[in-house]
Amino acid sequence: MLSNKAIWKIGKVLEGIGLVVVLSGVLLSIDLGLKEEGLKSMGVEFQGLAIGGCLFVAGYLLERWGGRA
């Protein structure tokens, strides 16, 4: 069984990865938008927000479950 501190750290890492995925999706979306690929841009942004958001929420819940380290 993992300790509360380990669970808290895993939660923090997942939150960070989620934020990076969201940022990457937004930056890629901007790049595609500047190349006049609007529909593809919106799809990439939506995927980035969905995947990154899920990772962030999972990390947040793990962090709360693990308590404060």
C-alpha atoms as a PDB file:
ATOM      1  CA  MET A   1       0.000   0.000   0.000  1.00  0.00           C
ATOM      2  CA  LEU A   2       1.240   3.468  -0.817  1.00  0.00           C
ATOM      3  CA  SER A   3       1.749   5.994   1.932  1.00  0.00           C
ATOM      4  CA  ASN A   4      -0.295   9.178   2.026  1.00  0.00           C
ATOM      5  CA  LYS A   5       2.766  11.189   1.057  1.00  0.00           C
ATOM      6  CA  ALA A   6       3.351   9.025  -2.046  1.00  0.00           C
ATOM      7  CA  ILE A   7      -0.296   9.367  -3.078  1.00  0.00           C
ATOM      8  CA  TRP A   8      -0.079  13.131  -2.588  1.00  0.00           C
ATOM      9  CA  LYS A   9       3.059  13.313  -4.754  1.00  0.00           C
ATOM     10  CA  ILE A  10       1.476  11.204  -7.509  1.00  0.00           C
ATOM     11  CA  GLY A  11      -1.522  13.551  -7.429  1.00  0.00           C
ATOM     12  CA  LYS A  12       0.717  16.594  -7.786  1.00  0.00           C
ATOM     13  CA  VAL A  13       2.560  14.997 -10.730  1.00  0.00           C
ATOM     14  CA  LEU A  14      -0.738  14.200 -12.464  1.00  0.00           C
ATOM     15  CA  GLU A  15      -1.905  17.779 -11.939  1.00  0.00           C
ATOM     16  CA  GLY A  16       1.317  19.078 -13.486  1.00  0.00           C
ATOM     17  CA  ILE A  17       1.093  16.724 -16.456  1.00  0.00           C
ATOM     18  CA  GLY A  18      -2.521  17.767 -16.971  1.00  0.00           C
ATOM     19  CA  LEU A  19      -1.556  21.439 -17.072  1.00  0.00           C
ATOM     20  CA  VAL A  20       1.243  20.723 -19.557  1.00  0.00           C
ATOM     21  CA  VAL A  21      -1.155  18.787 -21.812  1.00  0.00           C
ATOM     22  CA  VAL A  22      -3.681  21.644 -21.732  1.00  0.00           C
ATOM     23  CA  LEU A  23      -0.963  24.191 -22.541  1.00  0.00           C
ATOM     24  CA  SER A  24       0.397  22.034 -25.365  1.00  0.00           C
ATOM     25  CA  GLY A  25      -3.076  21.651 -26.841  1.00  0.00           C
ATOM     26  CA  VAL A  26      -3.687  25.392 -26.736  1.00  0.00           C
ATOM     27  CA  LEU A  27      -0.317  26.201 -28.304  1.00  0.00           C
ATOM     28  CA  LEU A  28      -0.812  23.616 -31.054  1.00  0.00           C
ATOM     29  CA  SER A  29      -4.300  24.983 -31.628  1.00  0.00           C
ATOM     30  CA  ILE A  30      -2.919  28.504 -32.023  1.00  0.00           C
ATOM     31  CA  ASP A  31      -0.306  27.247 -34.471  1.00  0.00           C
ATOM     32  CA  LEU A  32      -2.925  25.444 -36.573  1.00  0.00           C
ATOM     33  CA  GLY A  33      -5.227  28.466 -36.405  1.00  0.00           C
ATOM     34  CA  LEU A  34      -2.504  30.697 -37.800  1.00  0.00           C
ATOM     35  CA  LYS A  35      -2.135  28.253 -40.691  1.00  0.00           C
ATOM     36  CA  GLU A  36      -5.838  28.718 -41.519  1.00  0.00           C
ATOM     37  CA  GLU A  37      -6.836  25.229 -40.327  1.00  0.00           C
ATOM     38  CA  GLY A  38      -9.649  26.360 -38.054  1.00  0.00           C
ATOM     39  CA  LEU A  39     -11.630  23.147 -37.702  1.00  0.00           C
ATOM     40  CA  LYS A  40      -8.558  21.011 -37.047  1.00  0.00           C
ATOM     41  CA  SER A  41      -7.396  23.665 -34.579  1.00  0.00           C
ATOM     42  CA  MET A  42     -10.619  23.429 -32.592  1.00  0.00           C
ATOM     43  CA  GLY A  43     -10.410  19.625 -32.501  1.00  0.00           C
ATOM     44  CA  VAL A  44      -6.856  19.658 -31.177  1.00  0.00           C
ATOM     45  CA  GLU A  45      -7.745  22.252 -28.548  1.00  0.00           C
ATOM     46  CA  PHE A  46     -10.765  20.233 -27.415  1.00  0.00           C
ATOM     47  CA  GLN A  47      -8.684  17.046 -27.129  1.00  0.00           C
ATOM     48  CA  GLY A  48      -5.983  18.845 -25.168  1.00  0.00           C
ATOM     49  CA  LEU A  49      -8.504  20.365 -22.787  1.00  0.00           C
ATOM     50  CA  ALA A  50     -10.351  17.074 -22.297  1.00  0.00           C
ATOM     51  CA  ILE A  51      -7.268  14.910 -21.705  1.00  0.00           C
ATOM     52  CA  GLY A  52      -5.441  17.526 -19.639  1.00  0.00           C
ATOM     53  CA  GLY A  53      -8.551  18.290 -17.627  1.00  0.00           C
ATOM     54  CA  CYS A  54      -9.107  14.618 -16.827  1.00  0.00           C
ATOM     55  CA  LEU A  55      -5.495  14.210 -15.715  1.00  0.00           C
ATOM     56  CA  PHE A  56      -5.717  17.339 -13.579  1.00  0.00           C
ATOM     57  CA  VAL A  57      -8.960  16.237 -11.904  1.00  0.00           C
ATOM     58  CA  ALA A  58      -7.545  12.758 -11.265  1.00  0.00           C
ATOM     59  CA  GLY A  59      -4.471  14.342  -9.682  1.00  0.00           C
ATOM     60  CA  TYR A  60      -6.605  16.693  -7.621  1.00  0.00           C
ATOM     61  CA  LEU A  61      -8.716  13.834  -6.303  1.00  0.00           C
ATOM     62  CA  LEU A  62      -5.635  11.753  -5.464  1.00  0.00           C
ATOM     63  CA  GLU A  63      -4.095  14.744  -3.718  1.00  0.00           C
ATOM     64  CA  ARG A  64      -7.222  15.206  -1.595  1.00  0.00           C
ATOM     65  CA  TRP A  65      -7.453  11.478  -0.898  1.00  0.00           C
ATOM     66  CA  GLY A  66      -3.793  11.314   0.135  1.00  0.00           C
ATOM     67  CA  GLY A  67      -4.079  14.304   2.393  1.00  0.00           C
ATOM     68  CA  ARG A  68      -1.491  17.009   2.774  1.00  0.00           C
ATOM     69  CA  ALA A  69       2.073  15.816   3.009  1.00  0.00           C
END
